[in-house]
């Protein structure tokens, strides 16, 4: 499986342990995944908070020396320089994951704000429900957020909230006109 960093699923933000290492290996490579393992970077949250993932290259220890031979050039004066492809790949991955996390947090925050602002149950005895709700809880009033939660994906949630809000407003206006 390969990953398109422009279209990562939201659940990538919650990868940890083996799933995380497989993701890094598939996107960057075995050496980069091993670099994460030896540092104990086990999930996306840790990866995006580390100031310099490659700073470990400066250490002189057996665990790092093995990976150093694969991800660095060894200069004549015994200095190690990280290969540009390795460096750019890791930077690109971290940048993309930070952006993904920020977008996810913004969507989650907007969704929660929208959901709390449109919690509407009709005071006139009308209930908003979907066909699946009618079978299970037909006697209970249903809020618009409950109807929305029956949707299968979070990406459609905000669009559905707009539709439900529009329908809810129309029903409320219709009821207000009929009562007058």
N, C-alpha and C. Protein backbone atom coordinates (compact mmCIF):
# COMPACT_ATOMS: atom_id res chain seq x y z
N UNK A 1 0.84 -1.18 0.00
CA UNK A 1 0.00 0.00 0.00
C UNK A 1 0.89 1.24 0.00
N UNK A 2 0.60 2.19 -0.86
CA UNK A 2 1.34 3.44 -0.86
C UNK A 2 0.41 4.56 -0.39
N UNK A 3 1.00 5.65 0.04
CA UNK A 3 0.23 6.75 0.60
C UNK A 3 0.42 7.99 -0.25
N UNK A 4 -0.66 8.66 -0.54
CA UNK A 4 -0.62 9.96 -1.19
C UNK A 4 -0.73 10.98 -0.07
N UNK A 5 0.35 11.70 0.16
CA UNK A 5 0.35 12.63 1.30
C UNK A 5 -0.67 13.75 1.15
N UNK A 6 -1.15 14.00 -0.06
CA UNK A 6 -2.16 15.03 -0.24
C UNK A 6 -3.55 14.54 0.15
N UNK A 7 -3.72 13.24 0.26
CA UNK A 7 -5.03 12.67 0.56
C UNK A 7 -4.96 11.63 1.67
N UNK A 8 -4.24 11.92 2.72
CA UNK A 8 -4.13 10.98 3.83
C UNK A 8 -5.45 10.90 4.58
N UNK A 9 -5.83 9.72 5.01
CA UNK A 9 -7.04 9.61 5.83
C UNK A 9 -6.77 10.20 7.22
N UNK A 10 -7.82 10.66 7.89
CA UNK A 10 -7.65 11.24 9.21
C UNK A 10 -7.07 10.26 10.22
N UNK A 11 -7.36 8.98 10.06
CA UNK A 11 -6.89 8.02 11.04
C UNK A 11 -5.36 7.87 11.06
N UNK A 12 -4.67 8.38 10.03
CA UNK A 12 -3.21 8.33 10.03
C UNK A 12 -2.65 9.09 11.24
N UNK A 13 -3.38 10.06 11.72
CA UNK A 13 -2.93 10.84 12.88
C UNK A 13 -2.90 10.01 14.15
N UNK A 14 -3.55 8.87 14.13
CA UNK A 14 -3.64 8.03 15.32
C UNK A 14 -2.84 6.73 15.19
N UNK A 15 -2.03 6.63 14.14
CA UNK A 15 -1.18 5.45 13.97
C UNK A 15 -0.17 5.41 15.10
N UNK A 16 0.09 4.22 15.59
CA UNK A 16 1.12 4.06 16.61
C UNK A 16 1.75 2.68 16.50
N UNK A 17 2.90 2.56 17.10
CA UNK A 17 3.67 1.31 17.12
C UNK A 17 3.84 0.73 15.72
N UNK A 18 3.50 -0.52 15.53
CA UNK A 18 3.79 -1.19 14.26
C UNK A 18 3.10 -0.50 13.07
N UNK A 19 1.88 -0.06 13.26
CA UNK A 19 1.16 0.62 12.18
C UNK A 19 1.89 1.90 11.78
N UNK A 20 2.41 2.61 12.76
CA UNK A 20 3.19 3.82 12.50
C UNK A 20 4.48 3.50 11.74
N UNK A 21 5.20 2.48 12.18
CA UNK A 21 6.46 2.12 11.53
C UNK A 21 6.23 1.64 10.10
N UNK A 22 5.15 0.92 9.87
CA UNK A 22 4.82 0.48 8.51
C UNK A 22 4.51 1.69 7.63
N UNK A 23 3.77 2.64 8.17
CA UNK A 23 3.46 3.87 7.42
C UNK A 23 4.74 4.59 7.03
N UNK A 24 5.65 4.80 7.98
CA UNK A 24 6.91 5.50 7.71
C UNK A 24 7.73 4.72 6.69
N UNK A 25 7.78 3.41 6.85
CA UNK A 25 8.55 2.58 5.93
C UNK A 25 7.97 2.65 4.51
N UNK A 26 6.65 2.63 4.40
CA UNK A 26 6.05 2.66 3.07
C UNK A 26 6.18 4.03 2.42
N UNK A 27 6.15 5.08 3.22
CA UNK A 27 6.26 6.41 2.63
C UNK A 27 7.71 6.82 2.42
N UNK A 28 8.56 6.58 3.42
CA UNK A 28 9.95 7.05 3.35
C UNK A 28 10.95 5.93 3.05
N UNK A 29 10.83 4.83 3.75
CA UNK A 29 11.77 3.73 3.55
C UNK A 29 12.12 3.03 4.85
N UNK A 30 12.82 1.93 4.70
CA UNK A 30 13.20 1.09 5.84
C UNK A 30 14.14 1.85 6.79
N UNK A 31 15.12 2.54 6.23
CA UNK A 31 16.10 3.24 7.07
C UNK A 31 15.44 4.33 7.92
N UNK A 32 14.54 5.06 7.32
CA UNK A 32 13.85 6.12 8.05
C UNK A 32 12.97 5.53 9.16
N UNK A 33 12.32 4.43 8.84
CA UNK A 33 11.51 3.75 9.86
C UNK A 33 12.38 3.27 11.01
N UNK A 34 13.53 2.71 10.67
CA UNK A 34 14.47 2.25 11.69
C UNK A 34 14.98 3.43 12.53
N UNK A 35 15.20 4.56 11.90
CA UNK A 35 15.63 5.77 12.61
C UNK A 35 14.58 6.18 13.66
N UNK A 36 13.32 6.03 13.31
CA UNK A 36 12.24 6.34 14.27
C UNK A 36 12.24 5.32 15.41
N UNK A 37 12.40 4.04 15.06
CA UNK A 37 12.37 2.97 16.07
C UNK A 37 13.47 3.15 17.11
N UNK A 38 14.70 3.40 16.66
CA UNK A 38 15.81 3.49 17.62
C UNK A 38 15.67 4.69 18.54
N UNK A 39 14.88 5.67 18.14
CA UNK A 39 14.66 6.85 18.98
C UNK A 39 13.42 6.71 19.86
N UNK A 40 12.66 5.64 19.65
CA UNK A 40 11.45 5.45 20.44
C UNK A 40 10.31 6.34 19.97
N UNK A 41 10.38 6.81 18.74
CA UNK A 41 9.29 7.60 18.17
C UNK A 41 8.26 6.60 17.67
N UNK A 42 7.16 6.45 18.41
CA UNK A 42 6.21 5.37 18.15
C UNK A 42 4.89 5.82 17.55
N UNK A 43 4.72 7.12 17.37
CA UNK A 43 3.45 7.58 16.82
C UNK A 43 3.60 8.95 16.17
N UNK A 44 2.57 9.34 15.47
CA UNK A 44 2.57 10.62 14.75
C UNK A 44 2.68 11.79 15.70
N UNK A 45 1.98 11.72 16.83
CA UNK A 45 2.03 12.83 17.79
C UNK A 45 3.45 13.09 18.25
N UNK A 46 4.20 12.04 18.56
CA UNK A 46 5.60 12.22 18.99
C UNK A 46 6.44 12.77 17.85
N UNK A 47 6.26 12.22 16.66
CA UNK A 47 7.05 12.64 15.50
C UNK A 47 6.91 14.14 15.23
N UNK A 48 5.69 14.66 15.27
CA UNK A 48 5.51 16.06 14.90
C UNK A 48 5.90 17.03 16.02
N UNK A 49 6.18 16.50 17.21
CA UNK A 49 6.61 17.38 18.30
C UNK A 49 8.11 17.39 18.53
N UNK A 50 8.84 16.51 17.87
CA UNK A 50 10.30 16.46 18.04
C UNK A 50 10.93 17.57 17.19
N UNK A 51 11.72 18.45 17.80
CA UNK A 51 12.29 19.58 17.06
C UNK A 51 13.20 19.15 15.90
N UNK A 52 14.03 18.13 16.10
CA UNK A 52 14.95 17.69 15.04
C UNK A 52 15.13 16.18 15.14
N UNK A 53 14.40 15.46 14.31
CA UNK A 53 14.46 14.00 14.31
C UNK A 53 15.86 13.51 13.97
N UNK A 54 16.60 14.27 13.19
CA UNK A 54 17.92 13.84 12.74
C UNK A 54 19.05 14.21 13.70
N UNK A 55 18.75 14.88 14.80
CA UNK A 55 19.78 15.27 15.76
C UNK A 55 20.45 14.05 16.38
N UNK A 56 19.79 12.93 16.38
CA UNK A 56 20.35 11.70 16.94
C UNK A 56 21.61 11.25 16.19
N UNK A 57 21.76 11.69 14.96
CA UNK A 57 22.93 11.34 14.14
C UNK A 57 24.22 11.81 14.79
N UNK A 58 24.15 12.84 15.60
CA UNK A 58 25.34 13.39 16.25
C UNK A 58 25.86 12.51 17.40
N UNK A 59 25.05 11.56 17.84
CA UNK A 59 25.46 10.68 18.93
C UNK A 59 26.46 9.63 18.44
N UNK A 60 27.35 9.24 19.32
CA UNK A 60 28.31 8.19 19.00
C UNK A 60 27.98 6.97 19.86
N UNK A 61 27.07 6.14 19.36
CA UNK A 61 26.71 4.91 20.06
C UNK A 61 26.40 3.83 19.03
N UNK A 62 26.49 2.58 19.44
CA UNK A 62 26.35 1.46 18.51
C UNK A 62 25.03 1.49 17.74
N UNK A 63 23.91 1.73 18.45
CA UNK A 63 22.60 1.71 17.80
C UNK A 63 22.51 2.76 16.67
N UNK A 64 23.07 3.92 16.93
CA UNK A 64 23.01 5.01 15.96
C UNK A 64 24.05 4.82 14.86
N UNK A 65 25.22 4.28 15.20
CA UNK A 65 26.28 4.12 14.21
C UNK A 65 25.85 3.22 13.05
N UNK A 66 25.07 2.20 13.33
CA UNK A 66 24.61 1.30 12.26
C UNK A 66 23.70 2.03 11.28
N UNK A 67 22.75 2.78 11.79
CA UNK A 67 21.82 3.50 10.90
C UNK A 67 22.53 4.67 10.23
N UNK A 68 23.51 5.24 10.92
CA UNK A 68 24.29 6.36 10.39
C UNK A 68 24.97 5.99 9.08
N UNK A 69 25.47 4.77 9.00
CA UNK A 69 26.14 4.30 7.79
C UNK A 69 25.20 4.27 6.59
N UNK A 70 23.91 4.09 6.84
CA UNK A 70 22.95 3.97 5.75
C UNK A 70 22.30 5.30 5.36
N UNK A 71 22.17 6.23 6.30
CA UNK A 71 21.46 7.47 6.00
C UNK A 71 22.38 8.69 5.87
N UNK A 72 23.67 8.46 6.07
CA UNK A 72 24.62 9.58 6.03
C UNK A 72 25.80 9.28 5.11
N UNK A 73 26.46 10.37 4.73
CA UNK A 73 27.76 10.26 4.07
C UNK A 73 28.81 10.39 5.17
N UNK A 74 29.86 9.60 5.08
CA UNK A 74 30.97 9.68 6.03
C UNK A 74 32.09 10.44 5.33
N UNK A 75 32.38 11.64 5.80
CA UNK A 75 33.40 12.46 5.16
C UNK A 75 34.80 12.00 5.57
N UNK A 76 35.80 12.49 4.86
CA UNK A 76 37.19 12.09 5.13
C UNK A 76 37.65 12.47 6.53
N UNK A 77 37.07 13.54 7.08
CA UNK A 77 37.46 13.95 8.42
C UNK A 77 36.54 13.34 9.49
N UNK A 78 35.90 12.21 9.13
CA UNK A 78 35.08 11.39 10.04
C UNK A 78 33.81 12.11 10.52
N UNK A 79 33.32 13.03 9.75
CA UNK A 79 32.04 13.67 10.05
C UNK A 79 30.94 12.95 9.26
N UNK A 80 29.76 12.97 9.79
CA UNK A 80 28.62 12.38 9.10
C UNK A 80 27.67 13.48 8.65
N UNK A 81 27.27 13.39 7.38
CA UNK A 81 26.34 14.35 6.81
C UNK A 81 25.12 13.57 6.32
N UNK A 82 23.94 13.95 6.79
CA UNK A 82 22.71 13.26 6.40
C UNK A 82 22.46 13.49 4.92
N UNK A 83 22.11 12.41 4.23
CA UNK A 83 21.79 12.51 2.80
C UNK A 83 20.56 13.40 2.62
N UNK A 84 20.62 14.26 1.60
CA UNK A 84 19.56 15.23 1.38
C UNK A 84 18.20 14.59 1.14
N UNK A 85 18.17 13.46 0.45
CA UNK A 85 16.89 12.77 0.21
C UNK A 85 16.25 12.31 1.50
N UNK A 86 17.05 11.83 2.41
CA UNK A 86 16.56 11.39 3.73
C UNK A 86 16.02 12.60 4.48
N UNK A 87 16.81 13.65 4.51
CA UNK A 87 16.44 14.86 5.25
C UNK A 87 15.15 15.47 4.68
N UNK A 88 15.08 15.62 3.37
CA UNK A 88 13.90 16.23 2.74
C UNK A 88 12.65 15.36 2.92
N UNK A 89 12.83 14.05 2.81
CA UNK A 89 11.69 13.15 2.98
C UNK A 89 11.09 13.26 4.37
N UNK A 90 11.94 13.26 5.37
CA UNK A 90 11.48 13.35 6.76
C UNK A 90 10.83 14.71 7.00
N UNK A 91 11.46 15.78 6.52
CA UNK A 91 10.88 17.12 6.69
C UNK A 91 9.52 17.23 6.01
N UNK A 92 9.42 16.68 4.79
CA UNK A 92 8.16 16.73 4.06
C UNK A 92 7.07 15.96 4.80
N UNK A 93 7.41 14.79 5.30
CA UNK A 93 6.44 13.98 6.04
C UNK A 93 5.96 14.72 7.29
N UNK A 94 6.88 15.26 8.05
CA UNK A 94 6.51 15.96 9.28
C UNK A 94 5.65 17.19 8.96
N UNK A 95 6.05 17.95 7.97
CA UNK A 95 5.28 19.14 7.57
C UNK A 95 3.85 18.76 7.14
N UNK A 96 3.75 17.70 6.37
CA UNK A 96 2.44 17.25 5.90
C UNK A 96 1.58 16.77 7.06
N UNK A 97 2.18 16.03 7.99
CA UNK A 97 1.43 15.53 9.13
C UNK A 97 1.01 16.67 10.07
N UNK A 98 1.84 17.67 10.22
CA UNK A 98 1.44 18.84 11.03
C UNK A 98 0.26 19.56 10.40
N UNK A 99 0.32 19.72 9.08
CA UNK A 99 -0.79 20.36 8.37
C UNK A 99 -2.05 19.51 8.49
N UNK A 100 -1.91 18.21 8.35
CA UNK A 100 -3.05 17.29 8.48
C UNK A 100 -3.66 17.40 9.87
N UNK A 101 -2.81 17.44 10.89
CA UNK A 101 -3.30 17.56 12.27
C UNK A 101 -4.02 18.88 12.48
N UNK A 102 -3.45 19.97 11.98
CA UNK A 102 -4.09 21.28 12.13
C UNK A 102 -5.43 21.32 11.42
N UNK A 103 -5.50 20.79 10.21
CA UNK A 103 -6.76 20.74 9.47
C UNK A 103 -7.79 19.90 10.21
N UNK A 104 -7.35 18.77 10.73
CA UNK A 104 -8.25 17.88 11.47
C UNK A 104 -8.79 18.58 12.71
N UNK A 105 -7.91 19.25 13.44
CA UNK A 105 -8.34 19.97 14.66
C UNK A 105 -9.32 21.09 14.31
N UNK A 106 -9.07 21.81 13.22
CA UNK A 106 -9.99 22.88 12.81
C UNK A 106 -11.35 22.31 12.44
N UNK A 107 -11.35 21.21 11.66
CA UNK A 107 -12.62 20.58 11.27
C UNK A 107 -13.37 20.06 12.49
N UNK A 108 -12.64 19.46 13.41
CA UNK A 108 -13.27 18.93 14.62
C UNK A 108 -13.87 20.06 15.45
N UNK A 109 -13.13 21.14 15.56
CA UNK A 109 -13.60 22.28 16.34
C UNK A 109 -14.83 22.90 15.68
N UNK A 110 -14.79 23.09 14.35
CA UNK A 110 -15.95 23.65 13.64
C UNK A 110 -17.15 22.72 13.76
N UNK A 111 -16.90 21.44 13.66
CA UNK A 111 -17.97 20.46 13.74
C UNK A 111 -18.64 20.51 15.10
N UNK A 112 -17.84 20.58 16.15
CA UNK A 112 -18.39 20.65 17.51
C UNK A 112 -19.15 21.95 17.71
N UNK A 113 -18.62 23.07 17.20
CA UNK A 113 -19.31 24.34 17.33
C UNK A 113 -20.62 24.33 16.56
N UNK A 114 -20.59 23.83 15.34
CA UNK A 114 -21.80 23.77 14.53
C UNK A 114 -22.82 22.84 15.14
N UNK A 115 -22.36 21.73 15.63
CA UNK A 115 -23.26 20.74 16.22
C UNK A 115 -23.95 21.32 17.44
N UNK A 116 -23.20 22.03 18.28
CA UNK A 116 -23.82 22.58 19.48
C UNK A 116 -24.74 23.76 19.15
N UNK A 117 -24.45 24.48 18.07
CA UNK A 117 -25.30 25.62 17.73
C UNK A 117 -26.57 25.24 16.99
N UNK A 118 -26.61 24.02 16.42
CA UNK A 118 -27.82 23.65 15.69
C UNK A 118 -28.64 22.58 16.39
N UNK A 119 -28.35 22.32 17.63
CA UNK A 119 -29.17 21.35 18.37
C UNK A 119 -30.58 21.91 18.48
N UNK A 120 -31.44 21.42 17.65
CA UNK A 120 -32.80 21.94 17.60
C UNK A 120 -33.76 20.77 17.66
N UNK A 121 -34.63 20.80 18.63
CA UNK A 121 -35.73 19.86 18.65
C UNK A 121 -36.99 20.70 18.57
N UNK A 122 -37.84 20.37 17.67
CA UNK A 122 -39.03 21.17 17.46
C UNK A 122 -39.91 21.18 18.70
N UNK A 123 -40.36 22.36 19.07
CA UNK A 123 -41.27 22.49 20.20
C UNK A 123 -42.71 22.24 19.77
N UNK A 124 -42.93 22.08 18.49
CA UNK A 124 -44.27 21.92 17.97
C UNK A 124 -44.64 20.46 17.71
N UNK A 125 -43.85 19.53 18.21
CA UNK A 125 -44.17 18.13 18.06
C UNK A 125 -43.58 17.49 16.82
N UNK A 126 -42.88 18.25 15.99
CA UNK A 126 -42.24 17.67 14.80
C UNK A 126 -40.86 17.18 15.18
N UNK A 127 -40.49 16.03 14.69
CA UNK A 127 -39.17 15.47 14.95
C UNK A 127 -38.42 15.30 13.66
N UNK A 128 -37.14 15.63 13.68
CA UNK A 128 -36.30 15.37 12.53
C UNK A 128 -35.70 13.99 12.72
N UNK A 129 -35.82 13.14 11.73
CA UNK A 129 -35.23 11.81 11.85
C UNK A 129 -34.92 11.27 10.48
N UNK A 130 -34.06 10.26 10.45
CA UNK A 130 -33.78 9.57 9.21
C UNK A 130 -34.54 8.26 9.22
N UNK A 131 -34.58 7.57 8.09
CA UNK A 131 -35.36 6.33 8.00
C UNK A 131 -34.86 5.28 8.98
N UNK A 132 -33.56 5.23 9.24
CA UNK A 132 -33.07 4.23 10.17
C UNK A 132 -33.45 4.57 11.61
N UNK A 133 -33.62 5.87 11.91
CA UNK A 133 -34.02 6.27 13.26
C UNK A 133 -35.46 5.90 13.52
N UNK A 134 -36.28 5.90 12.51
CA UNK A 134 -37.70 5.63 12.70
C UNK A 134 -37.93 4.22 13.20
N UNK A 135 -37.07 3.31 12.86
CA UNK A 135 -37.22 1.92 13.29
C UNK A 135 -36.83 1.72 14.74
N UNK A 136 -35.91 2.52 15.23
CA UNK A 136 -35.38 2.26 16.56
C UNK A 136 -35.97 3.15 17.64
N UNK A 137 -36.07 4.43 17.40
CA UNK A 137 -36.49 5.37 18.44
C UNK A 137 -37.56 6.32 17.92
N UNK A 138 -38.58 5.82 17.33
CA UNK A 138 -39.54 6.70 16.67
C UNK A 138 -40.31 7.58 17.64
N UNK A 139 -40.38 7.22 18.90
CA UNK A 139 -41.14 8.03 19.84
C UNK A 139 -40.30 9.10 20.50
N UNK A 140 -39.00 9.06 20.30
CA UNK A 140 -38.12 10.03 20.94
C UNK A 140 -37.84 11.21 20.03
N UNK A 141 -37.82 12.44 20.58
CA UNK A 141 -37.42 13.58 19.75
C UNK A 141 -35.97 13.41 19.35
N UNK A 142 -35.66 13.79 18.15
CA UNK A 142 -34.30 13.63 17.64
C UNK A 142 -33.75 14.99 17.27
N UNK A 143 -32.55 15.26 17.74
CA UNK A 143 -31.91 16.51 17.38
C UNK A 143 -31.28 16.36 16.02
N UNK A 144 -31.00 17.49 15.39
CA UNK A 144 -30.39 17.43 14.07
C UNK A 144 -29.02 16.78 14.14
N UNK A 145 -28.30 16.97 15.25
CA UNK A 145 -26.98 16.36 15.34
C UNK A 145 -27.09 14.84 15.40
N UNK A 146 -28.15 14.31 16.00
CA UNK A 146 -28.33 12.86 16.04
C UNK A 146 -28.56 12.33 14.64
N UNK A 147 -29.37 13.04 13.86
CA UNK A 147 -29.62 12.60 12.49
C UNK A 147 -28.34 12.64 11.66
N UNK A 148 -27.55 13.63 11.91
CA UNK A 148 -26.30 13.77 11.15
C UNK A 148 -25.35 12.64 11.48
N UNK A 149 -25.30 12.20 12.70
CA UNK A 149 -24.35 11.19 13.12
C UNK A 149 -24.56 9.85 12.41
N UNK A 150 -25.68 9.69 11.74
CA UNK A 150 -25.90 8.45 10.99
C UNK A 150 -25.12 8.44 9.69
N UNK A 151 -24.53 9.55 9.30
CA UNK A 151 -23.72 9.60 8.09
C UNK A 151 -22.45 8.80 8.30
N UNK A 152 -21.91 8.24 7.24
CA UNK A 152 -20.79 7.31 7.36
C UNK A 152 -19.44 7.97 7.44
N UNK A 153 -19.27 9.19 6.98
CA UNK A 153 -17.92 9.75 7.00
C UNK A 153 -17.92 11.15 7.57
N UNK A 154 -16.79 11.48 8.24
CA UNK A 154 -16.65 12.80 8.83
C UNK A 154 -16.51 13.88 7.79
N UNK A 155 -16.01 13.54 6.61
CA UNK A 155 -15.82 14.55 5.58
C UNK A 155 -17.15 15.11 5.10
N UNK A 156 -18.21 14.34 5.19
CA UNK A 156 -19.53 14.82 4.78
C UNK A 156 -20.26 15.52 5.90
N UNK A 157 -19.74 15.45 7.12
CA UNK A 157 -20.43 15.97 8.28
C UNK A 157 -20.75 17.45 8.16
N UNK A 158 -19.77 18.28 7.80
CA UNK A 158 -20.02 19.71 7.73
C UNK A 158 -21.03 20.06 6.64
N UNK A 159 -20.94 19.38 5.50
CA UNK A 159 -21.89 19.63 4.43
C UNK A 159 -23.29 19.22 4.88
N UNK A 160 -23.42 18.11 5.58
CA UNK A 160 -24.72 17.64 6.06
C UNK A 160 -25.29 18.57 7.11
N UNK A 161 -24.43 19.14 7.95
CA UNK A 161 -24.89 20.08 8.96
C UNK A 161 -25.56 21.27 8.27
N UNK A 162 -24.96 21.76 7.17
CA UNK A 162 -25.56 22.88 6.44
C UNK A 162 -26.92 22.50 5.89
N UNK A 163 -27.04 21.31 5.30
CA UNK A 163 -28.33 20.86 4.76
C UNK A 163 -29.37 20.71 5.86
N UNK A 164 -28.99 20.10 6.95
CA UNK A 164 -29.92 19.89 8.05
C UNK A 164 -30.33 21.22 8.64
N UNK A 165 -29.39 22.13 8.77
CA UNK A 165 -29.71 23.45 9.30
C UNK A 165 -30.72 24.15 8.40
N UNK A 166 -30.53 24.07 7.10
CA UNK A 166 -31.45 24.68 6.15
C UNK A 166 -32.84 24.05 6.26
N UNK A 167 -32.89 22.74 6.32
CA UNK A 167 -34.18 22.04 6.44
C UNK A 167 -34.84 22.39 7.77
N UNK A 168 -34.05 22.40 8.82
CA UNK A 168 -34.57 22.72 10.14
C UNK A 168 -35.15 24.14 10.17
N UNK A 169 -34.44 25.09 9.58
CA UNK A 169 -34.93 26.46 9.52
C UNK A 169 -36.23 26.55 8.73
N UNK A 170 -36.30 25.83 7.63
CA UNK A 170 -37.51 25.83 6.80
C UNK A 170 -38.70 25.26 7.56
N UNK A 171 -38.50 24.18 8.28
CA UNK A 171 -39.58 23.57 9.05
C UNK A 171 -40.03 24.51 10.16
N UNK A 172 -39.07 25.13 10.83
CA UNK A 172 -39.42 26.06 11.91
C UNK A 172 -40.23 27.24 11.38
N UNK A 173 -39.80 27.82 10.23
CA UNK A 173 -40.54 28.94 9.63
C UNK A 173 -41.93 28.52 9.21
N UNK A 174 -42.03 27.32 8.63
CA UNK A 174 -43.34 26.80 8.20
C UNK A 174 -44.26 26.65 9.42
N UNK A 175 -43.74 26.08 10.49
CA UNK A 175 -44.55 25.90 11.69
C UNK A 175 -44.97 27.22 12.31
N UNK A 176 -44.08 28.21 12.32
CA UNK A 176 -44.41 29.52 12.85
C UNK A 176 -45.54 30.18 12.06
N UNK A 177 -45.52 30.02 10.72
CA UNK A 177 -46.57 30.58 9.87
C UNK A 177 -47.90 29.89 10.12
N UNK A 178 -47.90 28.57 10.30
CA UNK A 178 -49.12 27.81 10.52
C UNK A 178 -49.75 28.11 11.87
N UNK A 179 -48.94 28.39 12.87
CA UNK A 179 -49.44 28.66 14.21
C UNK A 179 -50.07 30.04 14.28
N UNK A 180 -49.60 30.98 13.54
CA UNK A 180 -50.12 32.36 13.57
C UNK A 180 -51.44 32.40 12.96
